[in-house]
Amino acid sequence: MKKRLFAFSLSAWTATIVISPVLFFSLIFDYSGAFKVKDFLSFWGSGLLGGFVLSLPGYLLFIAALFYLNSRKWKNSTKKVILILWSILLIVIPVYFIFGTDDDSLYFRYVPRIIISYSSTMIVSMLVLNNLNYSKIFKTVVRK
């Protein structure tokens, strides 16, 4: 079971790191200008590198929460909701530490878009992976 939990967390984290920069780019791209593949690839590459480095501590906390929730005898739906809320929190906190909440900052207007792109990708990847390959991630709760 530990192998399945680790594989699930690694798959969800990897999907988030790979897909979220693409979603973020589509949210900030100015469609009035010319689109260059080179610009997109350089943005995506830096997004992959930055996403990997900045999300590594969050990934370790995500794994810890996944193992902790799996050891609890709660309903599976409760475990999933807690894991989703925990993963959103693990995205929101580092973004606000990095970019801050200064209204005059150039990056402040991008903070909600970063949170939306990474959180939505993480939620969708967890739900899809849970339904496809890892349908029994959490132990089934048997009530007597």
Protein backbone atom coordinates (compact mmCIF):
# COMPACT_ATOMS: atom_id res chain seq x y z
CA MET A 1 0.00 0.00 0.00
CA LYS A 2 2.89 2.38 0.70
CA LYS A 3 4.07 1.93 -2.86
CA ARG A 4 0.63 2.91 -4.19
CA LEU A 5 0.47 5.99 -1.96
CA PHE A 6 3.92 7.11 -3.06
CA ALA A 7 3.08 6.49 -6.74
CA PHE A 8 -0.18 8.43 -6.39
CA SER A 9 1.49 11.41 -4.73
CA LEU A 10 4.35 11.43 -7.24
CA SER A 11 1.94 11.25 -10.18
CA ALA A 12 -0.26 14.08 -8.87
CA TRP A 13 2.76 16.25 -8.08
CA THR A 14 4.39 15.62 -11.47
CA ALA A 15 1.17 16.32 -13.34
CA THR A 16 0.80 19.58 -11.45
CA ILE A 17 4.36 20.67 -12.17
CA VAL A 18 4.09 19.86 -15.89
CA ILE A 19 0.55 21.10 -16.67
CA SER A 20 0.22 24.17 -14.41
CA PRO A 21 2.73 26.39 -16.24
CA VAL A 22 0.80 25.76 -19.47
CA LEU A 23 -2.47 26.75 -17.80
CA PHE A 24 -0.86 29.80 -16.20
CA PHE A 25 0.62 30.85 -19.56
CA SER A 26 -2.83 30.63 -21.15
CA LEU A 27 -4.22 32.87 -18.37
CA ILE A 28 -1.60 35.62 -18.79
CA PHE A 29 -0.89 35.45 -22.53
CA ASP A 30 -1.79 38.59 -24.45
CA TYR A 31 -3.61 37.25 -27.49
CA SER A 32 -3.35 40.54 -29.39
CA GLY A 33 0.35 39.99 -30.04
CA ALA A 34 2.16 37.38 -32.10
CA PHE A 35 2.54 33.96 -30.52
CA LYS A 36 6.02 32.50 -30.60
CA VAL A 37 6.66 28.88 -29.68
CA LYS A 38 10.11 29.85 -28.45
CA ASP A 39 8.60 32.22 -25.87
CA PHE A 40 6.19 29.56 -24.68
CA LEU A 41 8.91 26.91 -24.36
CA SER A 42 11.20 29.24 -22.43
CA PHE A 43 8.31 30.17 -20.12
CA TRP A 44 7.35 26.51 -19.69
CA GLY A 45 10.95 25.46 -19.00
CA SER A 46 11.40 28.10 -16.33
CA GLY A 47 7.98 27.15 -14.92
CA LEU A 48 9.05 23.51 -14.69
CA LEU A 49 12.29 24.36 -12.93
CA GLY A 50 10.71 26.89 -10.59
CA GLY A 51 7.75 24.63 -9.88
CA PHE A 52 10.02 21.72 -9.03
CA VAL A 53 12.27 23.67 -6.69
CA LEU A 54 9.55 25.66 -4.95
CA SER A 55 7.11 22.79 -4.52
CA LEU A 56 9.50 20.19 -3.13
CA PRO A 57 8.81 21.03 0.55
CA GLY A 58 5.08 21.07 -0.20
CA TYR A 59 5.36 17.69 -1.87
CA LEU A 60 6.99 16.19 1.22
CA LEU A 61 4.19 17.61 3.39
CA PHE A 62 1.66 16.26 0.89
CA ILE A 63 3.13 12.76 1.22
CA ALA A 64 3.10 13.05 5.02
CA ALA A 65 -0.57 14.06 4.96
CA LEU A 66 -1.41 11.23 2.57
CA PHE A 67 0.17 8.62 4.85
CA TYR A 68 -1.41 10.18 7.94
CA LEU A 69 -4.88 10.26 6.38
CA ASN A 70 -4.50 6.68 5.21
CA SER A 71 -3.82 5.56 8.78
CA ARG A 72 -7.04 7.15 10.06
CA LYS A 73 -10.33 5.28 10.16
CA TRP A 74 -12.38 8.04 8.59
CA LYS A 75 -14.67 7.91 5.59
CA ASN A 76 -12.88 8.00 2.26
CA SER A 77 -14.81 11.09 1.20
CA THR A 78 -13.63 12.92 4.33
CA LYS A 79 -10.04 11.92 3.63
CA LYS A 80 -10.27 13.17 0.05
CA VAL A 81 -11.72 16.52 1.07
CA ILE A 82 -9.03 17.01 3.71
CA LEU A 83 -6.30 16.07 1.22
CA ILE A 84 -7.65 18.50 -1.38
CA LEU A 85 -7.88 21.34 1.14
CA TRP A 86 -4.38 20.53 2.41
CA SER A 87 -2.95 20.56 -1.12
CA ILE A 88 -4.56 23.96 -1.83
CA LEU A 89 -3.06 25.31 1.39
CA LEU A 90 0.35 23.94 0.37
CA ILE A 91 0.04 25.95 -2.85
CA VAL A 92 -1.34 29.19 -1.40
CA ILE A 93 1.14 29.66 1.45
CA PRO A 94 4.40 29.48 -0.59
CA VAL A 95 2.95 31.72 -3.32
CA TYR A 96 2.13 34.44 -0.81
CA PHE A 97 5.53 34.07 0.86
CA ILE A 98 7.29 34.41 -2.48
CA PHE A 99 5.23 37.15 -4.11
CA GLY A 100 3.84 38.87 -1.03
CA THR A 101 0.67 40.88 -0.79
CA ASP A 102 2.03 44.27 -1.83
CA ASP A 103 -0.55 45.99 -4.03
CA ASP A 104 2.12 47.93 -5.92
CA SER A 105 4.02 44.81 -6.90
CA LEU A 106 4.00 43.81 -10.54
CA TYR A 107 3.56 40.20 -9.54
CA PHE A 108 0.60 40.78 -7.22
CA ARG A 109 -1.87 40.78 -10.08
CA TYR A 110 -0.56 37.34 -11.10
CA VAL A 111 -0.85 35.72 -7.67
CA PRO A 112 -4.53 34.72 -8.04
CA ARG A 113 -3.80 33.27 -11.48
CA ILE A 114 -0.88 31.25 -10.11
CA ILE A 115 -3.03 29.90 -7.29
CA ILE A 116 -5.92 29.07 -9.65
CA SER A 117 -3.72 27.33 -12.21
CA TYR A 118 -1.76 25.23 -9.72
CA SER A 119 -4.69 24.44 -7.40
CA SER A 120 -7.06 23.45 -10.18
CA THR A 121 -4.42 21.27 -11.81
CA MET A 122 -3.63 19.58 -8.49
CA ILE A 123 -7.30 18.93 -7.71
CA VAL A 124 -8.09 17.57 -11.16
CA SER A 125 -4.97 15.39 -11.23
CA MET A 126 -5.77 13.94 -7.79
CA LEU A 127 -9.38 13.19 -8.75
CA VAL A 128 -8.47 11.70 -12.14
CA LEU A 129 -5.63 9.60 -10.76
CA ASN A 130 -7.79 8.41 -7.89
CA ASN A 131 -10.50 7.27 -10.31
CA LEU A 132 -8.22 5.76 -12.95
CA ASN A 133 -5.16 4.00 -11.63
CA TYR A 134 -5.38 4.25 -7.90
CA SER A 135 -9.01 3.57 -7.14
CA LYS A 136 -8.25 2.18 -3.70
CA ILE A 137 -5.78 4.75 -2.42
CA PHE A 138 -7.42 5.04 0.93
CA LYS A 139 -8.20 1.99 2.98
CA THR A 140 -11.85 1.06 2.87
CA VAL A 141 -13.62 1.84 6.11
CA VAL A 142 -15.67 -1.06 7.38
CA ARG A 143 -18.34 -0.09 9.87
CA LYS A 144 -19.93 -2.68 12.08
